[in-house]
Amino acid sequence: MLIVSVLIFIAGVIALVVNTSFLGPGIMIFAFLLLLFSGFRTIRPIYKAVIERFGKYIRTREAGLAWVVPTIEKLYKVNITEQLVDV
């Protein structure tokens, strides 16, 4: 998703340089919004999420909607349901 956003942003910059119309800024805004919304993650009620930034633990998130910085932060879902074990 990051590569697509960057390519769209570069196309917007080229359109802005070549032509002074509103096409360039519109494409750049679209690429920025695409990158912004690609960071939303949904965490189900049976999971907790561990968020790492560059491999270092940052925080734990509960169930719900979480936003992570794309390509910088990584979200790992951990199942917290009870497991039945034969003894």
C-alpha atoms as a PDB file:
ATOM      1  CA  MET A   1       0.000   0.000   0.000  1.00  0.00           C
ATOM      2  CA  LEU A   2       2.901   2.332   0.729  1.00  0.00           C
ATOM      3  CA  ILE A   3       4.392   1.830  -2.724  1.00  0.00           C
ATOM      4  CA  VAL A   4       1.059   2.607  -4.370  1.00  0.00           C
ATOM      5  CA  SER A   5       0.660   5.773  -2.275  1.00  0.00           C
ATOM      6  CA  VAL A   6       4.182   6.943  -3.069  1.00  0.00           C
ATOM      7  CA  LEU A   7       3.706   6.322  -6.791  1.00  0.00           C
ATOM      8  CA  ILE A   8       0.427   8.236  -6.810  1.00  0.00           C
ATOM      9  CA  PHE A   9       2.089  11.070  -4.866  1.00  0.00           C
ATOM     10  CA  ILE A  10       4.955  11.213  -7.402  1.00  0.00           C
ATOM     11  CA  ALA A  11       2.402  11.322 -10.230  1.00  0.00           C
ATOM     12  CA  GLY A  12       0.754  14.268  -8.462  1.00  0.00           C
ATOM     13  CA  VAL A  13       4.065  16.101  -8.152  1.00  0.00           C
ATOM     14  CA  ILE A  14       4.776  15.534 -11.843  1.00  0.00           C
ATOM     15  CA  ALA A  15       1.291  16.772 -12.757  1.00  0.00           C
ATOM     16  CA  LEU A  16       1.852  19.841 -10.581  1.00  0.00           C
ATOM     17  CA  VAL A  17       5.210  20.637 -12.191  1.00  0.00           C
ATOM     18  CA  VAL A  18       4.049  20.056 -15.763  1.00  0.00           C
ATOM     19  CA  ASN A  19       0.731  21.825 -15.464  1.00  0.00           C
ATOM     20  CA  THR A  20      -0.548  24.466 -13.042  1.00  0.00           C
ATOM     21  CA  SER A  21      -4.062  22.999 -12.852  1.00  0.00           C
ATOM     22  CA  PHE A  22      -5.725  21.485  -9.808  1.00  0.00           C
ATOM     23  CA  LEU A  23      -4.955  17.945 -10.962  1.00  0.00           C
ATOM     24  CA  GLY A  24      -1.539  17.779  -9.256  1.00  0.00           C
ATOM     25  CA  PRO A  25      -2.637  18.847  -5.767  1.00  0.00           C
ATOM     26  CA  GLY A  26      -5.741  16.667  -6.054  1.00  0.00           C
ATOM     27  CA  ILE A  27      -3.651  13.591  -6.819  1.00  0.00           C
ATOM     28  CA  MET A  28      -1.246  14.438  -3.971  1.00  0.00           C
ATOM     29  CA  ILE A  29      -4.127  14.822  -1.484  1.00  0.00           C
ATOM     30  CA  PHE A  30      -5.600  11.508  -2.676  1.00  0.00           C
ATOM     31  CA  ALA A  31      -2.249   9.758  -2.133  1.00  0.00           C
ATOM     32  CA  PHE A  32      -1.913  11.270   1.348  1.00  0.00           C
ATOM     33  CA  LEU A  33      -5.429  10.154   2.322  1.00  0.00           C
ATOM     34  CA  LEU A  34      -4.765   6.678   0.937  1.00  0.00           C
ATOM     35  CA  LEU A  35      -1.635   6.430   3.074  1.00  0.00           C
ATOM     36  CA  LEU A  36      -3.466   7.807   6.125  1.00  0.00           C
ATOM     37  CA  PHE A  37      -6.371   5.371   5.914  1.00  0.00           C
ATOM     38  CA  SER A  38      -4.136   2.364   5.241  1.00  0.00           C
ATOM     39  CA  GLY A  39      -2.970   2.527   8.873  1.00  0.00           C
ATOM     40  CA  PHE A  40      -6.329   1.608  10.432  1.00  0.00           C
ATOM     41  CA  ARG A  41      -6.583  -1.906  11.877  1.00  0.00           C
ATOM     42  CA  THR A  42      -9.519  -3.689  13.529  1.00  0.00           C
ATOM     43  CA  ILE A  43      -8.885  -5.738  16.650  1.00  0.00           C
ATOM     44  CA  ARG A  44     -11.539  -8.361  17.431  1.00  0.00           C
ATOM     45  CA  PRO A  45     -12.764  -8.879  21.042  1.00  0.00           C
ATOM     46  CA  ILE A  46     -10.897 -12.196  21.455  1.00  0.00           C
ATOM     47  CA  TYR A  47      -7.563 -10.537  20.627  1.00  0.00           C
ATOM     48  CA  LYS A  48      -5.200  -8.001  22.089  1.00  0.00           C
ATOM     49  CA  ALA A  49      -2.700  -6.265  19.868  1.00  0.00           C
ATOM     50  CA  VAL A  50       0.972  -5.642  20.500  1.00  0.00           C
ATOM     51  CA  ILE A  51       2.389  -2.688  18.566  1.00  0.00           C
ATOM     52  CA  GLU A  52       6.088  -2.459  17.769  1.00  0.00           C
ATOM     53  CA  ARG A  53       7.956   0.457  16.243  1.00  0.00           C
ATOM     54  CA  PHE A  54      11.151  -0.595  14.453  1.00  0.00           C
ATOM     55  CA  GLY A  55      11.119  -3.875  16.429  1.00  0.00           C
ATOM     56  CA  LYS A  56      10.768  -2.253  19.857  1.00  0.00           C
ATOM     57  CA  TYR A  57       7.624  -2.719  21.977  1.00  0.00           C
ATOM     58  CA  ILE A  58       5.561   0.481  22.125  1.00  0.00           C
ATOM     59  CA  ARG A  59       2.112  -0.348  23.497  1.00  0.00           C
ATOM     60  CA  THR A  60      -0.680  -2.900  23.850  1.00  0.00           C
ATOM     61  CA  ARG A  61      -4.121  -2.180  22.414  1.00  0.00           C
ATOM     62  CA  GLU A  62      -7.480  -3.608  23.468  1.00  0.00           C
ATOM     63  CA  ALA A  63     -10.318  -4.613  21.130  1.00  0.00           C
ATOM     64  CA  GLY A  64     -11.566  -1.927  18.768  1.00  0.00           C
ATOM     65  CA  LEU A  65     -10.145   0.295  16.069  1.00  0.00           C
ATOM     66  CA  ALA A  66      -6.430   1.066  16.171  1.00  0.00           C
ATOM     67  CA  TRP A  67      -4.245   3.244  13.979  1.00  0.00           C
ATOM     68  CA  VAL A  68      -0.603   2.418  13.309  1.00  0.00           C
ATOM     69  CA  VAL A  69       1.906   4.408  11.303  1.00  0.00           C
ATOM     70  CA  PRO A  70       2.210   2.485   8.013  1.00  0.00           C
ATOM     71  CA  THR A  71       5.620   0.832   7.403  1.00  0.00           C
ATOM     72  CA  ILE A  72       7.014   2.170  10.703  1.00  0.00           C
ATOM     73  CA  GLU A  73       4.838   0.342  13.225  1.00  0.00           C
ATOM     74  CA  LYS A  74       3.813  -3.306  13.105  1.00  0.00           C
ATOM     75  CA  LEU A  75       0.737  -4.750  14.814  1.00  0.00           C
ATOM     76  CA  TYR A  76       0.694  -8.334  16.114  1.00  0.00           C
ATOM     77  CA  LYS A  77      -2.619  -9.869  17.193  1.00  0.00           C
ATOM     78  CA  VAL A  78      -2.487 -12.182  20.223  1.00  0.00           C
ATOM     79  CA  ASN A  79      -5.338 -14.605  20.952  1.00  0.00           C
ATOM     80  CA  ILE A  80      -6.412 -14.290  24.612  1.00  0.00           C
ATOM     81  CA  THR A  81      -9.098 -16.996  24.751  1.00  0.00           C
ATOM     82  CA  GLU A  82      -8.763 -19.771  27.300  1.00  0.00           C
ATOM     83  CA  GLN A  83      -7.408 -23.047  26.016  1.00  0.00           C
ATOM     84  CA  LEU A  84      -8.558 -26.447  27.298  1.00  0.00           C
ATOM     85  CA  VAL A  85      -5.679 -28.770  28.161  1.00  0.00           C
ATOM     86  CA  ASP A  86      -5.960 -32.448  29.168  1.00  0.00           C
ATOM     87  CA  VAL A  87      -4.074 -33.211  32.363  1.00  0.00           C
END
